[in-house]
């Protein structure tokens, strides 16, 4: 069984974006700890299944981050369930998750399901706008992290800058408030230097967008936080 507490680096692939077979092989054989399948726009069951079948040719753990109930399918190692803490519409904290459990609760393997407490920090991000977020102050973010750790006991707190590089100082402050909850950082990592910088504070860095426009630099992020295979 995979131990998520040992993870340091994951790649995130969008089923709505193109990646060649050669590139996918390099991603899956890079030494990354897992590949997350997930996106905000036009995530369909067909695209998720196609990407899953391609990734399954390799031994890397595969995670579905659920953003669309119609695109849920068996076959993944883990299922990540986002709860958007800084949404102004609390349906993104409870209601959509409740609907999913109502529909799939009888067939869920609860050992494969992990809740992510999201805090989305980029006002221009599609996810920020889609979930009707507000931009939190530093104190708000730390309070959300404390809620994740001590009130809700979510296994993951996800600091998400979605396309822009975030504040390493804030990541460091958030991490100081987490003991059992893992800090995932995602957003704007485009180089080994940035991966190493954010990897000093986050338990796990998530690298995604760079794979689609600067693939070689994206691959360097694995060694930056994990060392040579």
C-alpha atoms as a PDB file:
ATOM      1  CA  UNK A   1       0.000   0.000   0.000  1.00  0.00           C
ATOM      2  CA  UNK A   2       1.254   3.468  -0.862  1.00  0.00           C
ATOM      3  CA  UNK A   3       2.135   5.762   2.038  1.00  0.00           C
ATOM      4  CA  UNK A   4       1.133   9.321   1.227  1.00  0.00           C
ATOM      5  CA  UNK A   5       3.135  10.655   4.171  1.00  0.00           C
ATOM      6  CA  UNK A   6       6.293   9.727   2.247  1.00  0.00           C
ATOM      7  CA  UNK A   7       5.332  11.731  -0.837  1.00  0.00           C
ATOM      8  CA  UNK A   8       7.232  14.882  -1.780  1.00  0.00           C
ATOM      9  CA  UNK A   9       6.274  15.496  -5.413  1.00  0.00           C
ATOM     10  CA  UNK A  10       3.280  14.776  -7.630  1.00  0.00           C
ATOM     11  CA  UNK A  11       2.417  15.683 -11.191  1.00  0.00           C
ATOM     12  CA  UNK A  12      -1.109  16.812 -12.026  1.00  0.00           C
ATOM     13  CA  UNK A  13      -2.480  16.070 -15.478  1.00  0.00           C
ATOM     14  CA  UNK A  14      -5.598  17.662 -16.940  1.00  0.00           C
ATOM     15  CA  UNK A  15      -7.756  15.158 -18.864  1.00  0.00           C
ATOM     16  CA  UNK A  16      -8.882  18.059 -21.074  1.00  0.00           C
ATOM     17  CA  UNK A  17      -5.319  18.754 -22.281  1.00  0.00           C
ATOM     18  CA  UNK A  18      -3.085  16.895 -24.723  1.00  0.00           C
ATOM     19  CA  UNK A  19       0.082  15.079 -23.692  1.00  0.00           C
ATOM     20  CA  UNK A  20       2.015  12.794 -26.037  1.00  0.00           C
ATOM     21  CA  UNK A  21       2.761   9.150 -25.302  1.00  0.00           C
ATOM     22  CA  UNK A  22       6.469   9.908 -25.011  1.00  0.00           C
ATOM     23  CA  UNK A  23       5.878  12.745 -22.589  1.00  0.00           C
ATOM     24  CA  UNK A  24       3.457  10.694 -20.516  1.00  0.00           C
ATOM     25  CA  UNK A  25       6.022   7.923 -20.222  1.00  0.00           C
ATOM     26  CA  UNK A  26       8.632  10.394 -19.006  1.00  0.00           C
ATOM     27  CA  UNK A  27       6.182  11.797 -16.437  1.00  0.00           C
ATOM     28  CA  UNK A  28       5.245   8.368 -15.092  1.00  0.00           C
ATOM     29  CA  UNK A  29       8.852   7.123 -15.032  1.00  0.00           C
ATOM     30  CA  UNK A  30      10.287  10.377 -13.625  1.00  0.00           C
ATOM     31  CA  UNK A  31      10.346   9.254 -10.004  1.00  0.00           C
ATOM     32  CA  UNK A  32       7.368  11.408  -9.034  1.00  0.00           C
ATOM     33  CA  UNK A  33       5.394   9.954  -6.146  1.00  0.00           C
ATOM     34  CA  UNK A  34       2.011  10.015  -7.899  1.00  0.00           C
ATOM     35  CA  UNK A  35       0.048  11.379 -10.832  1.00  0.00           C
ATOM     36  CA  UNK A  36      -3.158  13.270 -10.081  1.00  0.00           C
ATOM     37  CA  UNK A  37      -5.814  13.419 -12.798  1.00  0.00           C
ATOM     38  CA  UNK A  38      -7.933  16.528 -12.419  1.00  0.00           C
ATOM     39  CA  UNK A  39      -9.028  19.844 -13.858  1.00  0.00           C
ATOM     40  CA  UNK A  40     -11.664  22.556 -13.716  1.00  0.00           C
ATOM     41  CA  UNK A  41     -12.983  22.842 -17.267  1.00  0.00           C
ATOM     42  CA  UNK A  42     -14.715  20.241 -19.433  1.00  0.00           C
ATOM     43  CA  UNK A  43     -13.653  17.203 -17.416  1.00  0.00           C
ATOM     44  CA  UNK A  44     -15.525  14.297 -19.014  1.00  0.00           C
ATOM     45  CA  UNK A  45     -15.727  10.625 -18.120  1.00  0.00           C
ATOM     46  CA  UNK A  46     -14.414   9.693 -21.561  1.00  0.00           C
ATOM     47  CA  UNK A  47     -11.289  11.826 -21.172  1.00  0.00           C
ATOM     48  CA  UNK A  48     -10.695  10.625 -17.595  1.00  0.00           C
ATOM     49  CA  UNK A  49     -10.965   6.977 -18.652  1.00  0.00           C
ATOM     50  CA  UNK A  50      -8.638   7.508 -21.588  1.00  0.00           C
ATOM     51  CA  UNK A  51      -5.970   9.170 -19.456  1.00  0.00           C
ATOM     52  CA  UNK A  52      -6.369   6.554 -16.714  1.00  0.00           C
ATOM     53  CA  UNK A  53      -5.829   3.706 -19.182  1.00  0.00           C
ATOM     54  CA  UNK A  54      -2.662   5.382 -20.497  1.00  0.00           C
ATOM     55  CA  UNK A  55      -1.233   5.989 -17.020  1.00  0.00           C
ATOM     56  CA  UNK A  56      -2.048   2.437 -15.914  1.00  0.00           C
ATOM     57  CA  UNK A  57       0.674   1.073 -18.208  1.00  0.00           C
ATOM     58  CA  UNK A  58       3.084   2.311 -15.553  1.00  0.00           C
ATOM     59  CA  UNK A  59       3.476   1.574 -11.847  1.00  0.00           C
ATOM     60  CA  UNK A  60       3.123   5.129 -10.545  1.00  0.00           C
ATOM     61  CA  UNK A  61       0.183   5.651  -8.135  1.00  0.00           C
ATOM     62  CA  UNK A  62      -2.768   7.325  -9.833  1.00  0.00           C
ATOM     63  CA  UNK A  63      -5.217   9.699  -8.115  1.00  0.00           C
ATOM     64  CA  UNK A  64      -8.523  11.119  -9.311  1.00  0.00           C
ATOM     65  CA  UNK A  65      -9.262  14.588  -7.964  1.00  0.00           C
ATOM     66  CA  UNK A  66     -13.022  14.850  -8.251  1.00  0.00           C
ATOM     67  CA  UNK A  67     -14.428  18.040  -9.733  1.00  0.00           C
ATOM     68  CA  UNK A  68     -17.302  16.536 -11.718  1.00  0.00           C
ATOM     69  CA  UNK A  69     -19.602  13.768 -10.466  1.00  0.00           C
ATOM     70  CA  UNK A  70     -20.185  12.549 -14.023  1.00  0.00           C
ATOM     71  CA  UNK A  71     -16.470  11.821 -14.428  1.00  0.00           C
ATOM     72  CA  UNK A  72     -16.064   9.491 -11.436  1.00  0.00           C
ATOM     73  CA  UNK A  73     -14.862   5.997 -12.282  1.00  0.00           C
ATOM     74  CA  UNK A  74     -13.295   3.008 -10.510  1.00  0.00           C
ATOM     75  CA  UNK A  75      -9.687   2.096 -11.182  1.00  0.00           C
ATOM     76  CA  UNK A  76      -7.723   4.798  -9.370  1.00  0.00           C
ATOM     77  CA  UNK A  77      -5.555   4.148  -6.317  1.00  0.00           C
ATOM     78  CA  UNK A  78      -6.923   7.165  -4.447  1.00  0.00           C
ATOM     79  CA  UNK A  79      -9.739   9.692  -4.747  1.00  0.00           C
ATOM     80  CA  UNK A  80      -9.178  13.276  -3.561  1.00  0.00           C
ATOM     81  CA  UNK A  81     -12.283  15.225  -2.513  1.00  0.00           C
ATOM     82  CA  UNK A  82     -11.802  19.021  -2.515  1.00  0.00           C
ATOM     83  CA  UNK A  83     -13.495  21.229   0.081  1.00  0.00           C
ATOM     84  CA  UNK A  84     -12.920  24.893  -0.812  1.00  0.00           C
ATOM     85  CA  UNK A  85     -12.441  26.661   2.507  1.00  0.00           C
ATOM     86  CA  UNK A  86     -12.364  30.213   1.142  1.00  0.00           C
ATOM     87  CA  UNK A  87     -15.442  29.900  -1.058  1.00  0.00           C
ATOM     88  CA  UNK A  88     -18.201  32.369  -0.249  1.00  0.00           C
ATOM     89  CA  UNK A  89     -20.713  29.682  -1.229  1.00  0.00           C
ATOM     90  CA  UNK A  90     -20.527  26.901   1.313  1.00  0.00           C
ATOM     91  CA  UNK A  91     -21.973  24.383  -1.098  1.00  0.00           C
ATOM     92  CA  UNK A  92     -18.302  23.899  -2.013  1.00  0.00           C
ATOM     93  CA  UNK A  93     -17.612  22.881   1.579  1.00  0.00           C
ATOM     94  CA  UNK A  94     -20.469  20.431   2.153  1.00  0.00           C
ATOM     95  CA  UNK A  95     -23.263  20.298  -0.407  1.00  0.00           C
ATOM     96  CA  UNK A  96     -21.482  18.939  -3.472  1.00  0.00           C
ATOM     97  CA  UNK A  97     -19.654  16.419  -1.292  1.00  0.00           C
ATOM     98  CA  UNK A  98     -22.953  15.376   0.280  1.00  0.00           C
ATOM     99  CA  UNK A  99     -24.451  14.831  -3.163  1.00  0.00           C
ATOM    100  CA  UNK A 100     -21.496  12.679  -4.176  1.00  0.00           C
ATOM    101  CA  UNK A 101     -21.751  10.527  -1.053  1.00  0.00           C
ATOM    102  CA  UNK A 102     -25.513  10.210  -1.526  1.00  0.00           C
ATOM    103  CA  UNK A 103     -24.891   8.863  -5.024  1.00  0.00           C
ATOM    104  CA  UNK A 104     -21.774   6.754  -4.472  1.00  0.00           C
ATOM    105  CA  UNK A 105     -21.637   6.097  -0.715  1.00  0.00           C
ATOM    106  CA  UNK A 106     -22.621   2.448  -0.973  1.00  0.00           C
ATOM    107  CA  UNK A 107     -19.722   1.588  -3.273  1.00  0.00           C
ATOM    108  CA  UNK A 108     -16.955   3.816  -1.893  1.00  0.00           C
ATOM    109  CA  UNK A 109     -13.864   2.218  -0.455  1.00  0.00           C
ATOM    110  CA  UNK A 110     -13.344   4.760   2.308  1.00  0.00           C
ATOM    111  CA  UNK A 111      -9.680   3.798   2.663  1.00  0.00           C
ATOM    112  CA  UNK A 112      -9.076   5.212  -0.823  1.00  0.00           C
ATOM    113  CA  UNK A 113     -10.807   8.540  -0.204  1.00  0.00           C
ATOM    114  CA  UNK A 114      -8.970  11.613   1.095  1.00  0.00           C
ATOM    115  CA  UNK A 115     -10.434  15.060   1.726  1.00  0.00           C
ATOM    116  CA  UNK A 116      -8.427  18.095   0.624  1.00  0.00           C
ATOM    117  CA  UNK A 117      -9.028  21.373   2.411  1.00  0.00           C
ATOM    118  CA  UNK A 118      -8.418  23.838  -0.423  1.00  0.00           C
ATOM    119  CA  UNK A 119      -7.439  27.468  -0.035  1.00  0.00           C
ATOM    120  CA  UNK A 120      -7.304  29.100  -3.484  1.00  0.00           C
ATOM    121  CA  UNK A 121      -5.082  32.178  -3.595  1.00  0.00           C
ATOM    122  CA  UNK A 122      -5.207  33.393  -7.218  1.00  0.00           C
ATOM    123  CA  UNK A 123      -8.170  35.620  -8.095  1.00  0.00           C
ATOM    124  CA  UNK A 124      -7.604  35.057 -11.817  1.00  0.00           C
ATOM    125  CA  UNK A 125      -7.774  31.270 -11.552  1.00  0.00           C
ATOM    126  CA  UNK A 126     -10.752  29.503 -13.063  1.00  0.00           C
ATOM    127  CA  UNK A 127     -11.153  27.436  -9.906  1.00  0.00           C
ATOM    128  CA  UNK A 128     -11.217  30.623  -7.786  1.00  0.00           C
ATOM    129  CA  UNK A 129     -13.993  32.094  -9.916  1.00  0.00           C
ATOM    130  CA  UNK A 130     -15.897  28.842 -10.400  1.00  0.00           C
ATOM    131  CA  UNK A 131     -16.173  28.262  -6.649  1.00  0.00           C
ATOM    132  CA  UNK A 132     -16.890  31.929  -5.847  1.00  0.00           C
ATOM    133  CA  UNK A 133     -13.867  32.468  -3.589  1.00  0.00           C
ATOM    134  CA  UNK A 134     -12.649  35.531  -1.748  1.00  0.00           C
ATOM    135  CA  UNK A 135      -8.944  36.329  -1.392  1.00  0.00           C
ATOM    136  CA  UNK A 136      -7.982  35.568   2.221  1.00  0.00           C
ATOM    137  CA  UNK A 137      -5.445  37.460   4.314  1.00  0.00           C
ATOM    138  CA  UNK A 138      -2.463  35.629   5.813  1.00  0.00           C
ATOM    139  CA  UNK A 139      -4.268  35.266   9.131  1.00  0.00           C
ATOM    140  CA  UNK A 140      -7.278  33.749   7.367  1.00  0.00           C
ATOM    141  CA  UNK A 141      -5.124  31.144   5.630  1.00  0.00           C
ATOM    142  CA  UNK A 142      -3.447  30.139   8.880  1.00  0.00           C
ATOM    143  CA  UNK A 143      -6.848  29.868  10.555  1.00  0.00           C
ATOM    144  CA  UNK A 144      -8.069  27.621   7.728  1.00  0.00           C
ATOM    145  CA  UNK A 145      -5.014  25.429   8.203  1.00  0.00           C
ATOM    146  CA  UNK A 146      -5.748  25.212  11.924  1.00  0.00           C
ATOM    147  CA  UNK A 147      -9.337  24.236  11.132  1.00  0.00           C
ATOM    148  CA  UNK A 148      -8.123  21.538   8.771  1.00  0.00           C
ATOM    149  CA  UNK A 149      -5.749  20.136  11.371  1.00  0.00           C
ATOM    150  CA  UNK A 150      -7.703  20.462  14.603  1.00  0.00           C
ATOM    151  CA  UNK A 151     -11.406  20.712  13.785  1.00  0.00           C
ATOM    152  CA  UNK A 152     -11.996  18.807  10.559  1.00  0.00           C
ATOM    153  CA  UNK A 153      -8.959  16.505  10.672  1.00  0.00           C
ATOM    154  CA  UNK A 154      -8.597  16.602   6.894  1.00  0.00           C
ATOM    155  CA  UNK A 155      -5.580  14.605   5.735  1.00  0.00           C
ATOM    156  CA  UNK A 156      -4.560  17.328   3.242  1.00  0.00           C
ATOM    157  CA  UNK A 157      -4.489  21.134   3.332  1.00  0.00           C
ATOM    158  CA  UNK A 158      -3.967  22.374  -0.222  1.00  0.00           C
ATOM    159  CA  UNK A 159      -2.487  25.852  -0.701  1.00  0.00           C
ATOM    160  CA  UNK A 160      -3.394  26.540  -4.330  1.00  0.00           C
ATOM    161  CA  UNK A 161      -2.094  29.448  -6.397  1.00  0.00           C
ATOM    162  CA  UNK A 162      -3.260  27.880  -9.669  1.00  0.00           C
ATOM    163  CA  UNK A 163      -0.990  29.218 -12.390  1.00  0.00           C
ATOM    164  CA  UNK A 164       1.070  31.778 -10.471  1.00  0.00           C
ATOM    165  CA  UNK A 165       3.936  31.178  -8.068  1.00  0.00           C
ATOM    166  CA  UNK A 166       2.934  31.747  -4.470  1.00  0.00           C
ATOM    167  CA  UNK A 167       4.488  33.034  -1.284  1.00  0.00           C
ATOM    168  CA  UNK A 168       7.045  30.639   0.275  1.00  0.00           C
ATOM    169  CA  UNK A 169       6.878  32.597   3.545  1.00  0.00           C
ATOM    170  CA  UNK A 170       3.154  31.937   3.821  1.00  0.00           C
ATOM    171  CA  UNK A 171       3.707  28.248   3.036  1.00  0.00           C
ATOM    172  CA  UNK A 172       6.275  28.138   5.837  1.00  0.00           C
ATOM    173  CA  UNK A 173       3.857  29.768   8.285  1.00  0.00           C
ATOM    174  CA  UNK A 174       1.061  27.396   7.318  1.00  0.00           C
ATOM    175  CA  UNK A 175       3.308  24.381   7.729  1.00  0.00           C
ATOM    176  CA  UNK A 176       4.167  25.444  11.291  1.00  0.00           C
ATOM    177  CA  UNK A 177       0.493  24.996  12.168  1.00  0.00           C
ATOM    178  CA  UNK A 178       0.197  21.474  10.753  1.00  0.00           C
ATOM    179  CA  UNK A 179       1.338  18.244  12.373  1.00  0.00           C
ATOM    180  CA  UNK A 180      -0.907  15.472  11.091  1.00  0.00           C
ATOM    181  CA  UNK A 181      -2.467  17.221   8.091  1.00  0.00           C
ATOM    182  CA  UNK A 182      -0.175  17.245   5.042  1.00  0.00           C
ATOM    183  CA  UNK A 183       0.526  20.556   3.321  1.00  0.00           C
ATOM    184  CA  UNK A 184       0.168  20.311  -0.454  1.00  0.00           C
ATOM    185  CA  UNK A 185       1.326  23.326  -2.473  1.00  0.00           C
ATOM    186  CA  UNK A 186       0.275  23.865  -6.083  1.00  0.00           C
ATOM    187  CA  UNK A 187       0.668  26.766  -8.463  1.00  0.00           C
ATOM    188  CA  UNK A 188       3.204  28.301 -10.800  1.00  0.00           C
ATOM    189  CA  UNK A 189       6.145  25.971 -10.200  1.00  0.00           C
ATOM    190  CA  UNK A 190       8.071  26.230 -13.452  1.00  0.00           C
ATOM    191  CA  UNK A 191      11.668  25.436 -12.484  1.00  0.00           C
ATOM    192  CA  UNK A 192      13.824  23.278 -10.270  1.00  0.00           C
ATOM    193  CA  UNK A 193      14.666  26.349  -8.182  1.00  0.00           C
ATOM    194  CA  UNK A 194      11.017  27.099  -7.425  1.00  0.00           C
ATOM    195  CA  UNK A 195      10.313  23.434  -6.709  1.00  0.00           C
ATOM    196  CA  UNK A 196      13.190  23.299  -4.264  1.00  0.00           C
ATOM    197  CA  UNK A 197      12.183  26.560  -2.591  1.00  0.00           C
ATOM    198  CA  UNK A 198       8.553  25.556  -2.051  1.00  0.00           C
ATOM    199  CA  UNK A 199       9.518  21.962  -1.284  1.00  0.00           C
ATOM    200  CA  UNK A 200      11.364  23.167   1.822  1.00  0.00           C
ATOM    201  CA  UNK A 201       8.026  24.119   3.368  1.00  0.00           C
ATOM    202  CA  UNK A 202       5.302  21.995   1.770  1.00  0.00           C
ATOM    203  CA  UNK A 203       5.105  18.274   2.408  1.00  0.00           C
ATOM    204  CA  UNK A 204       4.137  17.751  -1.240  1.00  0.00           C
ATOM    205  CA  UNK A 205       4.477  20.034  -4.250  1.00  0.00           C
ATOM    206  CA  UNK A 206       2.059  19.651  -7.151  1.00  0.00           C
ATOM    207  CA  UNK A 207       3.393  20.421 -10.629  1.00  0.00           C
ATOM    208  CA  UNK A 208       0.994  20.679 -13.541  1.00  0.00           C
ATOM    209  CA  UNK A 209       0.719  23.551 -16.028  1.00  0.00           C
ATOM    210  CA  UNK A 210       4.413  23.685 -16.878  1.00  0.00           C
ATOM    211  CA  UNK A 211       4.213  20.197 -18.409  1.00  0.00           C
ATOM    212  CA  UNK A 212       2.077  21.591 -21.224  1.00  0.00           C
ATOM    213  CA  UNK A 213       4.279  24.517 -22.244  1.00  0.00           C
ATOM    214  CA  UNK A 214       7.788  23.886 -20.869  1.00  0.00           C
ATOM    215  CA  UNK A 215       7.981  20.119 -20.487  1.00  0.00           C
ATOM    216  CA  UNK A 216      11.706  19.724 -19.841  1.00  0.00           C
ATOM    217  CA  UNK A 217      11.702  22.253 -17.015  1.00  0.00           C
ATOM    218  CA  UNK A 218       8.653  20.511 -15.565  1.00  0.00           C
ATOM    219  CA  UNK A 219      10.567  17.240 -15.333  1.00  0.00           C
ATOM    220  CA  UNK A 220      13.450  18.879 -13.455  1.00  0.00           C
ATOM    221  CA  UNK A 221      11.163  19.548 -10.508  1.00  0.00           C
ATOM    222  CA  UNK A 222      11.218  15.890  -9.446  1.00  0.00           C
ATOM    223  CA  UNK A 223      14.946  15.709  -8.803  1.00  0.00           C
ATOM    224  CA  UNK A 224      14.858  19.175  -7.244  1.00  0.00           C
ATOM    225  CA  UNK A 225      12.766  17.955  -4.320  1.00  0.00           C
ATOM    226  CA  UNK A 226      13.557  14.234  -4.264  1.00  0.00           C
ATOM    227  CA  UNK A 227      17.139  13.939  -5.459  1.00  0.00           C
ATOM    228  CA  UNK A 228      18.275  11.405  -8.035  1.00  0.00           C
ATOM    229  CA  UNK A 229      16.264   8.204  -8.445  1.00  0.00           C
END
